[in-house]
Amino acid sequence: MKKTLAQKSFWVTIVGGMLTGMGNGSVFGAAMMCLVGRGSFGDWGGIGHLAYNPYTFTGFVDWCMLIFGFSYVGILAISTIRHGALEAGH
């Protein structure tokens, strides 16, 4: 059975989507840092589990990176599925 484009590019979609999305999420986090500063966050949160607590400074940026990464994986998955359907003539 012939694999679809989405099946062939499964790992490329996951890795490429997470790298691109997390990179964009870090830029968003850096812009947010420049805009509001650390003053609105009670704790820096860069050690251990606090690095992923969204109520800390670093945790908010980490969550932005994860959300952007998963979003880009979804965008790439949808685009490869649709592109594969166009190539197949459906």
N, C-alpha and C. Protein backbone atom coordinates (compact mmCIF):
# COMPACT_ATOMS: atom_id res chain seq x y z
N MET A 1 0.83 -1.17 0.00
CA MET A 1 0.00 0.00 0.00
C MET A 1 0.89 1.25 0.00
N LYS A 2 0.53 2.20 -0.82
CA LYS A 2 1.31 3.42 -0.96
C LYS A 2 0.99 4.38 0.19
N LYS A 3 2.05 4.94 0.80
CA LYS A 3 1.87 5.87 1.91
C LYS A 3 1.45 7.25 1.39
N THR A 4 0.63 7.93 2.19
CA THR A 4 0.24 9.29 1.84
C THR A 4 1.36 10.26 2.21
N LEU A 5 1.23 11.48 1.73
CA LEU A 5 2.23 12.50 2.04
C LEU A 5 2.31 12.75 3.54
N ALA A 6 1.18 12.78 4.21
CA ALA A 6 1.17 13.00 5.66
C ALA A 6 1.87 11.86 6.40
N GLN A 7 1.72 10.64 5.93
CA GLN A 7 2.39 9.50 6.56
C GLN A 7 3.89 9.52 6.30
N LYS A 8 4.28 9.92 5.09
CA LYS A 8 5.70 9.99 4.77
C LYS A 8 6.41 11.07 5.57
N SER A 9 5.72 12.16 5.84
CA SER A 9 6.37 13.30 6.50
C SER A 9 5.98 13.43 7.97
N PHE A 10 5.62 12.33 8.61
CA PHE A 10 5.17 12.37 10.00
C PHE A 10 6.21 13.01 10.93
N TRP A 11 7.43 12.49 10.92
CA TRP A 11 8.45 13.00 11.84
C TRP A 11 8.92 14.39 11.44
N VAL A 12 8.97 14.66 10.15
CA VAL A 12 9.35 16.00 9.70
C VAL A 12 8.31 17.02 10.19
N THR A 13 7.03 16.64 10.15
CA THR A 13 5.97 17.51 10.64
C THR A 13 6.12 17.76 12.14
N ILE A 14 6.37 16.72 12.91
CA ILE A 14 6.50 16.88 14.36
C ILE A 14 7.73 17.72 14.72
N VAL A 15 8.88 17.34 14.20
CA VAL A 15 10.12 18.04 14.55
C VAL A 15 10.12 19.45 13.99
N GLY A 16 9.79 19.60 12.72
CA GLY A 16 9.77 20.92 12.10
C GLY A 16 8.75 21.84 12.73
N GLY A 17 7.58 21.32 13.04
CA GLY A 17 6.55 22.12 13.67
C GLY A 17 6.93 22.58 15.06
N MET A 18 7.49 21.68 15.85
CA MET A 18 7.89 22.06 17.21
C MET A 18 9.05 23.05 17.19
N LEU A 19 10.03 22.83 16.33
CA LEU A 19 11.16 23.76 16.27
C LEU A 19 10.72 25.15 15.82
N THR A 20 9.93 25.20 14.76
CA THR A 20 9.46 26.49 14.25
C THR A 20 8.55 27.17 15.26
N GLY A 21 7.59 26.43 15.78
CA GLY A 21 6.64 27.01 16.73
C GLY A 21 7.29 27.47 18.01
N MET A 22 8.20 26.65 18.56
CA MET A 22 8.85 27.04 19.81
C MET A 22 9.78 28.23 19.59
N GLY A 23 10.38 28.31 18.41
CA GLY A 23 11.20 29.48 18.09
C GLY A 23 10.35 30.74 18.04
N ASN A 24 9.20 30.65 17.41
CA ASN A 24 8.30 31.80 17.37
C ASN A 24 7.73 32.11 18.75
N GLY A 25 7.48 31.10 19.55
CA GLY A 25 7.01 31.31 20.91
C GLY A 25 8.04 32.02 21.77
N SER A 26 9.32 31.71 21.55
CA SER A 26 10.37 32.39 22.31
C SER A 26 10.48 33.85 21.91
N VAL A 27 10.28 34.15 20.63
CA VAL A 27 10.28 35.54 20.18
C VAL A 27 9.09 36.28 20.79
N PHE A 28 7.94 35.63 20.83
CA PHE A 28 6.77 36.23 21.47
C PHE A 28 7.06 36.48 22.96
N GLY A 29 7.67 35.51 23.62
CA GLY A 29 8.01 35.67 25.04
C GLY A 29 9.02 36.79 25.25
N ALA A 30 10.00 36.91 24.36
CA ALA A 30 10.98 37.99 24.48
C ALA A 30 10.31 39.35 24.29
N ALA A 31 9.39 39.44 23.33
CA ALA A 31 8.67 40.70 23.13
C ALA A 31 7.81 41.02 24.35
N MET A 32 7.21 40.00 24.94
CA MET A 32 6.40 40.21 26.13
C MET A 32 7.28 40.68 27.30
N MET A 33 8.48 40.10 27.41
CA MET A 33 9.41 40.53 28.46
C MET A 33 9.77 42.01 28.29
N CYS A 34 10.01 42.41 27.05
CA CYS A 34 10.35 43.82 26.81
C CYS A 34 9.16 44.73 27.10
N LEU A 35 7.97 44.25 26.86
CA LEU A 35 6.77 45.09 27.05
C LEU A 35 6.41 45.25 28.52
N VAL A 36 6.26 44.16 29.25
CA VAL A 36 5.78 44.26 30.64
C VAL A 36 6.89 44.15 31.68
N GLY A 37 8.02 43.62 31.30
CA GLY A 37 9.09 43.46 32.28
C GLY A 37 8.78 42.39 33.31
N ARG A 38 9.61 42.29 34.30
CA ARG A 38 9.42 41.26 35.32
C ARG A 38 8.52 41.74 36.44
N GLY A 39 8.19 43.00 36.46
CA GLY A 39 7.45 43.57 37.57
C GLY A 39 6.11 42.93 37.84
N SER A 40 5.43 42.46 36.82
CA SER A 40 4.10 41.87 37.02
C SER A 40 4.15 40.41 37.46
N PHE A 41 5.33 39.82 37.53
CA PHE A 41 5.49 38.43 37.96
C PHE A 41 6.15 38.42 39.33
N GLY A 42 5.56 37.69 40.27
CA GLY A 42 6.08 37.64 41.62
C GLY A 42 7.36 36.85 41.76
N ASP A 43 7.60 35.90 40.85
CA ASP A 43 8.75 35.02 40.96
C ASP A 43 9.35 34.82 39.58
N TRP A 44 10.67 34.70 39.53
CA TRP A 44 11.32 34.44 38.24
C TRP A 44 10.98 33.04 37.75
N GLY A 45 11.09 32.04 38.60
CA GLY A 45 10.65 30.68 38.29
C GLY A 45 11.54 29.91 37.35
N GLY A 46 12.84 30.07 37.40
CA GLY A 46 13.71 29.39 36.45
C GLY A 46 14.31 28.09 36.93
N ILE A 47 13.93 27.60 38.10
CA ILE A 47 14.56 26.40 38.66
C ILE A 47 13.52 25.30 38.86
N GLY A 48 13.83 24.10 38.37
CA GLY A 48 12.98 22.93 38.59
C GLY A 48 11.58 23.08 38.01
N HIS A 49 10.59 22.67 38.80
CA HIS A 49 9.20 22.68 38.32
C HIS A 49 8.66 24.10 38.13
N LEU A 50 9.26 25.10 38.78
CA LEU A 50 8.80 26.47 38.62
C LEU A 50 9.04 27.01 37.21
N ALA A 51 9.94 26.37 36.46
CA ALA A 51 10.21 26.80 35.09
C ALA A 51 9.01 26.54 34.18
N TYR A 52 8.06 25.72 34.62
CA TYR A 52 6.89 25.43 33.80
C TYR A 52 5.58 25.88 34.47
N ASN A 53 5.70 26.66 35.53
CA ASN A 53 4.52 27.22 36.18
C ASN A 53 4.15 28.51 35.43
N PRO A 54 2.99 28.57 34.78
CA PRO A 54 2.66 29.74 33.96
C PRO A 54 2.50 31.04 34.74
N TYR A 55 2.48 30.97 36.06
CA TYR A 55 2.37 32.18 36.87
C TYR A 55 3.72 32.78 37.22
N THR A 56 4.80 32.13 36.78
CA THR A 56 6.14 32.69 36.96
C THR A 56 6.61 33.27 35.64
N PHE A 57 7.65 34.07 35.70
CA PHE A 57 8.17 34.77 34.53
C PHE A 57 8.65 33.80 33.46
N THR A 58 9.53 32.89 33.83
CA THR A 58 10.05 31.92 32.87
C THR A 58 8.99 30.91 32.46
N GLY A 59 8.13 30.53 33.39
CA GLY A 59 7.08 29.55 33.08
C GLY A 59 6.11 30.06 32.04
N PHE A 60 5.78 31.35 32.08
CA PHE A 60 4.89 31.91 31.06
C PHE A 60 5.52 31.80 29.68
N VAL A 61 6.80 32.12 29.58
CA VAL A 61 7.49 32.04 28.29
C VAL A 61 7.58 30.58 27.83
N ASP A 62 7.87 29.66 28.74
CA ASP A 62 7.94 28.24 28.38
C ASP A 62 6.59 27.73 27.86
N TRP A 63 5.50 28.14 28.52
CA TRP A 63 4.19 27.71 28.05
C TRP A 63 3.86 28.32 26.69
N CYS A 64 4.27 29.56 26.46
CA CYS A 64 4.08 30.17 25.14
C CYS A 64 4.80 29.35 24.08
N MET A 65 6.01 28.93 24.38
CA MET A 65 6.78 28.13 23.43
C MET A 65 6.09 26.80 23.15
N LEU A 66 5.59 26.14 24.18
CA LEU A 66 4.92 24.85 23.98
C LEU A 66 3.62 25.02 23.19
N ILE A 67 2.85 26.03 23.51
CA ILE A 67 1.58 26.25 22.80
C ILE A 67 1.84 26.58 21.34
N PHE A 68 2.81 27.46 21.06
CA PHE A 68 3.15 27.77 19.68
C PHE A 68 3.66 26.52 18.96
N GLY A 69 4.46 25.70 19.62
CA GLY A 69 4.99 24.48 19.00
C GLY A 69 3.90 23.51 18.61
N PHE A 70 2.97 23.23 19.53
CA PHE A 70 1.88 22.31 19.21
C PHE A 70 0.96 22.89 18.14
N SER A 71 0.79 24.20 18.14
CA SER A 71 -0.04 24.84 17.12
C SER A 71 0.57 24.68 15.74
N TYR A 72 1.87 24.87 15.64
CA TYR A 72 2.53 24.72 14.34
C TYR A 72 2.51 23.27 13.87
N VAL A 73 2.63 22.32 14.77
CA VAL A 73 2.51 20.91 14.38
C VAL A 73 1.13 20.66 13.78
N GLY A 74 0.08 21.21 14.41
CA GLY A 74 -1.27 21.08 13.87
C GLY A 74 -1.42 21.73 12.50
N ILE A 75 -0.84 22.92 12.35
CA ILE A 75 -0.91 23.62 11.06
C ILE A 75 -0.20 22.80 9.98
N LEU A 76 0.98 22.28 10.29
CA LEU A 76 1.70 21.47 9.30
C LEU A 76 0.97 20.17 8.98
N ALA A 77 0.36 19.55 9.97
CA ALA A 77 -0.38 18.31 9.73
C ALA A 77 -1.56 18.57 8.79
N ILE A 78 -2.31 19.63 9.05
CA ILE A 78 -3.45 19.96 8.18
C ILE A 78 -2.97 20.27 6.77
N SER A 79 -1.88 21.03 6.67
CA SER A 79 -1.41 21.41 5.33
C SER A 79 -0.88 20.21 4.55
N THR A 80 -0.18 19.27 5.20
CA THR A 80 0.30 18.11 4.46
C THR A 80 -0.84 17.18 4.06
N ILE A 81 -1.85 17.06 4.91
CA ILE A 81 -3.01 16.24 4.55
C ILE A 81 -3.73 16.84 3.35
N ARG A 82 -3.95 18.14 3.37
CA ARG A 82 -4.64 18.80 2.25
C ARG A 82 -3.80 18.79 0.98
N HIS A 83 -2.51 18.99 1.13
CA HIS A 83 -1.64 18.96 -0.05
C HIS A 83 -1.58 17.56 -0.65
N GLY A 84 -1.53 16.54 0.20
CA GLY A 84 -1.56 15.17 -0.29
C GLY A 84 -2.85 14.85 -1.02
N ALA A 85 -3.98 15.37 -0.52
CA ALA A 85 -5.25 15.15 -1.21
C ALA A 85 -5.27 15.84 -2.57
N LEU A 86 -4.69 17.02 -2.67
CA LEU A 86 -4.62 17.72 -3.96
C LEU A 86 -3.75 16.95 -4.94
N GLU A 87 -2.61 16.43 -4.48
CA GLU A 87 -1.72 15.67 -5.35
C GLU A 87 -2.38 14.37 -5.82
N ALA A 88 -3.17 13.77 -4.94
CA ALA A 88 -3.83 12.50 -5.29
C ALA A 88 -5.03 12.73 -6.21
N GLY A 89 -5.47 13.99 -6.31
CA GLY A 89 -6.60 14.30 -7.19
C GLY A 89 -7.95 14.11 -6.57
N HIS A 90 -8.03 14.17 -5.24
CA HIS A 90 -9.32 13.99 -4.56
C HIS A 90 -10.02 15.30 -4.42
